[in-house]
Protein backbone atom coordinates (compact mmCIF):
# COMPACT_ATOMS: atom_id res chain seq x y z
CA MET A 1 11.21 -13.07 -21.87
CA ALA A 2 8.45 -10.30 -22.90
CA VAL A 3 5.82 -13.21 -20.37
CA ALA A 4 7.93 -12.88 -17.87
CA LEU A 5 8.70 -9.13 -17.39
CA SER A 6 4.84 -8.51 -18.26
CA PHE A 7 4.16 -10.59 -15.04
CA PHE A 8 6.41 -8.77 -12.89
CA ILE A 9 4.93 -5.57 -14.13
CA GLY A 10 1.50 -6.36 -13.49
CA HIS A 11 2.14 -8.12 -10.27
CA TRP A 12 3.65 -4.56 -8.99
CA TYR A 13 0.89 -2.79 -10.18
CA LEU A 14 -2.09 -4.62 -9.28
CA SER A 15 -0.82 -5.34 -6.06
CA LEU A 16 0.19 -1.61 -5.24
CA PHE A 17 -3.28 -0.51 -7.07
CA SER A 18 -4.71 -2.49 -3.92
CA GLN A 19 -2.25 -0.80 -1.68
CA THR A 20 -3.13 2.87 -2.68
CA PHE A 21 -7.07 2.72 -3.63
CA PHE A 22 -8.34 -0.08 -0.94
CA LEU A 23 -5.60 -0.31 1.93
CA HIS A 24 -4.68 3.29 2.03
CA ARG A 25 -7.22 5.81 0.32
CA TYR A 26 -10.74 3.43 1.49
CA SER A 27 -9.36 1.63 4.76
CA ALA A 28 -7.47 4.15 6.29
CA HIS A 29 -9.11 7.47 5.38
CA LYS A 30 -12.55 6.49 3.85
CA MET A 31 -11.91 9.00 1.05
CA PHE A 32 -15.15 7.34 -0.53
CA HIS A 33 -18.00 5.21 0.15
CA MET A 34 -18.39 1.78 -1.45
CA SER A 35 -21.56 -0.53 -0.89
CA LYS A 36 -20.99 -3.90 1.04
CA PHE A 37 -20.27 -6.04 -2.49
CA TRP A 38 -17.65 -3.85 -3.70
CA GLU A 39 -16.24 -3.74 0.08
CA LYS A 40 -15.72 -7.63 -0.52
CA PHE A 41 -14.74 -7.55 -3.91
CA PHE A 42 -11.89 -5.17 -3.56
CA HIS A 43 -10.86 -6.86 0.01
CA LEU A 44 -10.71 -10.44 -2.00
CA PHE A 45 -8.51 -8.68 -4.96
CA THR A 46 -5.96 -6.90 -2.29
CA TYR A 47 -5.79 -10.81 -0.97
CA ILE A 48 -5.33 -11.99 -4.52
CA THR A 49 -2.80 -9.35 -5.99
CA GLN A 50 -0.53 -9.22 -2.83
CA GLY A 51 -0.56 -12.77 -2.51
CA SER A 52 1.99 -13.92 -0.32
CA SER A 53 2.69 -10.65 0.81
CA TYR A 54 -1.14 -9.83 2.23
CA LEU A 55 -1.47 -7.01 4.24
CA THR A 56 -4.64 -7.32 6.58
CA PRO A 57 -6.94 -3.94 6.02
CA ARG A 58 -7.67 -3.39 9.53
CA ALA A 59 -4.11 -3.83 10.51
CA TYR A 60 -2.63 -1.14 7.50
CA ALA A 61 -5.35 1.59 8.47
CA ILE A 62 -4.42 1.51 11.84
CA LEU A 63 -0.86 2.01 11.23
CA HIS A 64 -1.26 4.46 8.88
CA ARG A 65 -3.92 6.64 10.75
CA MET A 66 -1.24 6.14 13.54
CA HIS A 67 1.56 7.85 10.85
CA HIS A 68 -0.57 10.64 10.69
CA ALA A 69 -1.20 11.25 14.08
CA TYR A 70 2.59 11.15 15.08
CA SER A 71 3.97 11.83 11.84
CA ASP A 72 7.78 11.76 12.13
CA THR A 73 7.75 11.67 16.02
CA GLU A 74 8.95 8.69 18.46
CA LYS A 75 5.49 7.08 18.24
CA ASP A 76 5.31 7.20 14.37
CA PRO A 77 5.06 3.57 13.26
CA HIS A 78 7.28 4.05 10.36
CA SER A 79 9.16 7.14 10.37
CA PRO A 80 12.79 7.40 8.98
CA HIS A 81 13.96 9.73 11.40
CA HIS A 82 13.52 7.56 14.24
CA THR A 83 15.26 4.05 12.55
CA LYS A 84 18.42 3.61 11.72
CA ASN A 85 18.05 2.60 8.15
CA ILE A 86 14.98 0.81 6.11
CA PHE A 87 15.56 -2.42 7.49
CA THR A 88 15.17 -1.46 11.33
CA MET A 89 12.06 0.78 10.29
CA MET A 90 10.84 -2.31 8.39
CA TRP A 91 11.19 -4.28 11.48
CA LYS A 92 9.50 -1.88 14.18
CA THR A 93 6.54 -1.21 11.57
CA LYS A 94 6.50 -5.25 11.16
CA GLU A 95 6.53 -5.77 15.23
CA ILE A 96 3.83 -3.18 15.50
CA TYR A 97 1.56 -4.54 12.64
CA ASN A 98 1.73 -7.92 14.64
CA GLY A 99 0.56 -6.66 17.57
CA LEU A 100 -1.95 -5.16 15.89
CA LEU A 101 -3.33 -8.41 14.42
CA SER A 102 -3.03 -9.91 17.69
CA TYR A 103 -4.76 -7.36 19.34
CA LYS A 104 -1.97 -7.14 21.91
CA PHE A 105 -0.59 -3.44 20.75
CA LYS A 106 -2.39 -0.69 22.82
CA ILE A 107 -4.33 2.09 20.53
CA GLU A 108 -5.94 4.92 20.83
CA LYS A 109 -9.93 4.39 20.38
CA ARG A 110 -9.82 7.00 17.52
CA PHE A 111 -7.95 5.08 15.47
CA GLU A 112 -10.24 1.86 15.44
CA LYS A 113 -13.34 3.70 13.77
CA ASP A 114 -14.93 2.03 10.86
CA LEU A 115 -12.36 -0.46 9.56
CA PRO A 116 -13.44 -3.05 6.87
CA GLU A 117 -13.12 -6.60 8.26
CA TRP A 118 -13.62 -10.08 6.72
CA LEU A 119 -11.92 -12.06 9.48
CA SER A 120 -11.82 -15.39 7.65
CA LEU A 121 -10.07 -14.04 4.62
CA ASP A 122 -8.01 -12.30 6.82
CA ARG A 123 -6.72 -15.36 8.81
CA ILE A 124 -6.24 -17.04 5.38
CA GLY A 125 -4.31 -14.25 3.81
CA GLU A 126 -1.80 -14.01 7.50
CA SER A 127 -1.24 -17.81 7.71
CA TRP A 128 1.99 -19.15 6.44
CA VAL A 129 0.08 -21.74 4.04
CA SER A 130 -1.27 -19.05 2.02
CA ARG A 131 1.54 -17.02 2.13
CA VAL A 132 4.16 -20.07 1.07
CA LEU A 133 1.39 -21.35 -1.37
CA TRP A 134 1.33 -17.86 -3.07
CA GLY A 135 5.42 -18.17 -3.01
CA LEU A 136 5.39 -21.79 -4.68
CA ALA A 137 3.17 -20.21 -7.33
CA TYR A 138 5.46 -17.14 -8.47
CA VAL A 139 8.35 -19.78 -8.06
CA LEU A 140 6.50 -22.32 -10.36
CA PHE A 141 5.68 -19.58 -12.85
CA TYR A 142 9.64 -19.18 -13.66
CA VAL A 143 10.24 -22.35 -13.41
CA ILE A 144 7.86 -23.10 -16.67
CA GLY A 145 8.85 -20.01 -18.08
CA TYR A 146 12.39 -20.99 -17.91
CA LEU A 147 11.71 -24.94 -18.74
CA TYR A 148 9.49 -23.83 -22.03
CA PHE A 149 9.36 -20.29 -22.79
CA ASP A 150 13.42 -19.06 -22.94
CA VAL A 151 13.00 -17.10 -19.71
CA HIS A 152 15.97 -16.03 -18.66
CA TRP A 153 17.15 -17.40 -15.38
CA GLY A 154 18.01 -13.82 -14.24
CA PHE A 155 14.38 -13.11 -13.63
CA PHE A 156 14.73 -15.66 -10.67
CA PHE A 157 15.94 -12.98 -8.96
CA LEU A 158 12.82 -11.27 -8.99
CA LEU A 159 11.20 -13.75 -6.71
CA PRO A 160 12.03 -11.75 -3.45
CA ILE A 161 10.57 -8.76 -4.56
CA HIS A 162 7.38 -11.10 -5.44
CA PHE A 163 7.79 -12.82 -1.86
CA LEU A 164 7.26 -9.33 0.00
CA MET A 165 5.81 -6.54 -2.64
CA GLY A 166 3.62 -5.24 0.16
CA PRO A 167 5.73 -4.60 2.71
CA ILE A 168 8.30 -3.41 0.02
CA HIS A 169 6.04 -0.87 -1.24
CA GLY A 170 5.40 0.41 2.05
CA ALA A 171 9.15 0.60 2.75
CA ILE A 172 9.84 2.60 -0.38
CA VAL A 173 6.79 5.11 0.46
CA ASN A 174 7.40 5.69 4.30
CA TRP A 175 11.37 6.22 3.35
CA SER A 176 11.56 7.73 0.54
CA GLY A 177 8.61 9.99 0.99
CA HIS A 178 9.91 11.52 4.28
CA LYS A 179 13.57 11.97 3.38
CA TYR A 180 13.54 12.88 -0.39
CA GLY A 181 12.25 15.59 -2.74
CA TYR A 182 10.67 18.84 -2.14
CA GLN A 183 7.79 20.53 -0.16
CA ASN A 184 4.76 22.05 -1.43
CA PHE A 185 3.46 22.58 2.14
CA ASP A 186 5.05 22.91 5.98
CA ASN A 187 3.45 20.38 7.66
CA LYS A 188 5.69 20.70 10.86
CA ASP A 189 6.80 17.20 9.91
CA GLU A 190 9.76 15.55 6.99
CA SER A 191 7.09 14.53 4.78
CA LYS A 192 8.32 15.47 0.61
CA ASN A 193 6.92 14.79 -2.59
CA SER A 194 9.68 12.56 -4.34
CA LEU A 195 8.56 12.11 -7.65
CA LEU A 196 6.98 14.98 -10.14
CA PHE A 197 5.20 12.04 -12.12
CA ASP A 198 4.92 9.52 -9.61
CA PHE A 199 3.78 6.39 -11.79
CA LEU A 200 6.47 4.14 -10.06
CA MET A 201 4.12 4.35 -6.74
CA MET A 202 0.67 5.42 -8.79
CA GLY A 203 0.80 8.54 -6.41
CA GLU A 204 1.81 7.33 -3.28
CA LEU A 205 4.96 9.35 -3.04
CA PHE A 206 3.32 12.55 -3.12
CA GLN A 207 3.76 12.51 0.51
CA ASN A 208 3.78 16.40 1.67
CA ASN A 209 0.67 16.65 -0.26
CA HIS A 210 -1.08 13.71 1.37
CA HIS A 211 -0.17 15.06 4.54
CA LYS A 212 -1.35 18.47 4.39
CA HIS A 213 -4.50 16.98 2.88
CA PRO A 214 -4.82 13.56 4.17
CA MET A 215 -8.71 13.38 2.88
CA SER A 216 -8.03 14.77 -0.91
CA ILE A 217 -8.36 11.80 -3.39
CA ASN A 218 -5.91 13.48 -5.68
CA PHE A 219 -2.31 13.13 -4.03
CA ALA A 220 -0.87 15.85 -6.99
CA LYS A 221 -1.67 19.56 -6.06
CA ARG A 222 0.68 21.52 -8.78
CA TRP A 223 0.03 21.49 -12.48
CA PHE A 224 3.06 19.69 -13.20
CA GLU A 225 2.36 16.53 -10.62
CA ILE A 226 0.59 13.31 -12.28
CA ASP A 227 -1.33 11.00 -9.29
CA PRO A 228 -2.28 7.93 -11.71
CA THR A 229 -4.72 6.47 -9.40
CA PHE A 230 -6.90 9.41 -9.33
CA PRO A 231 -7.85 8.94 -13.01
CA MET A 232 -8.92 5.03 -11.92
CA ILE A 233 -11.03 6.73 -9.29
CA LYS A 234 -12.69 9.01 -11.48
CA LEU A 235 -13.49 6.04 -13.85
CA LEU A 236 -14.84 4.01 -10.90
CA THR A 237 -17.06 7.00 -9.71
CA TRP A 238 -18.45 7.23 -13.26
CA LEU A 239 -18.94 3.38 -12.92
CA ARG A 240 -21.20 4.25 -9.90
CA ILE A 241 -19.08 1.68 -7.94
CA ILE A 242 -17.82 4.41 -5.36
CA LYS A 243 -18.82 7.24 -4.41
CA PRO A 244 -16.63 10.06 -3.09
CA LYS A 245 -16.84 11.83 0.46
CA ALA A 246 -17.70 15.94 -0.74
CA LYS A 247 -14.62 16.65 1.10
CA SER A 248 -12.43 14.25 -0.23
CA LEU A 249 -12.55 16.19 -4.10
CA GLU A 250 -11.61 19.36 -2.61
């Protein structure tokens, strides 16, 4: 039981760290510098931790830059205020994402600047072979646990979350972060801070703060707010793995 729960929680937070640290704060916003070696390391780390739901950094970054530029307007690729429900929002995002992967979706040049790319890895990560093999690995883990380690059959219901981990994280942030919570700043959009202690999404649900200060590494802005990713970034800075840009520390 404990092993299965640890596996799910580990997958949730490792995948989420890849999304908030590498895809969001680095790929989309370039809040800090890192060497090409570490860029490749975290690119690969993102593929491994997201597995079957791998999101290509280039496409993710462009989507997110569009989201900031068009926040909560009809041109926003994932605003909950221009779709009927969370599923239609996710589908709209998926269609634009696929268009970016195929280079068929027309975008403004400003969204394409300085994007991390690893074409061979991205082709593997986006292939159905890779997605199916990762999915089978998750299934096999629970099957072995059920047969030999007394893992309850109920854990099999977690498999759809494993399969779609990356998009699920994105859906929670984009839906909740623009519908529910409080606002510290008037950003002329519907961005909200959904949680006071955002351990569930590692700081990503401080959307109102983030839209006000899009280059700030620390998404928490008031004394009672905690961004769990920020101390991890400070550690990586201390280890000289990354170097924050001056304006990201404001």
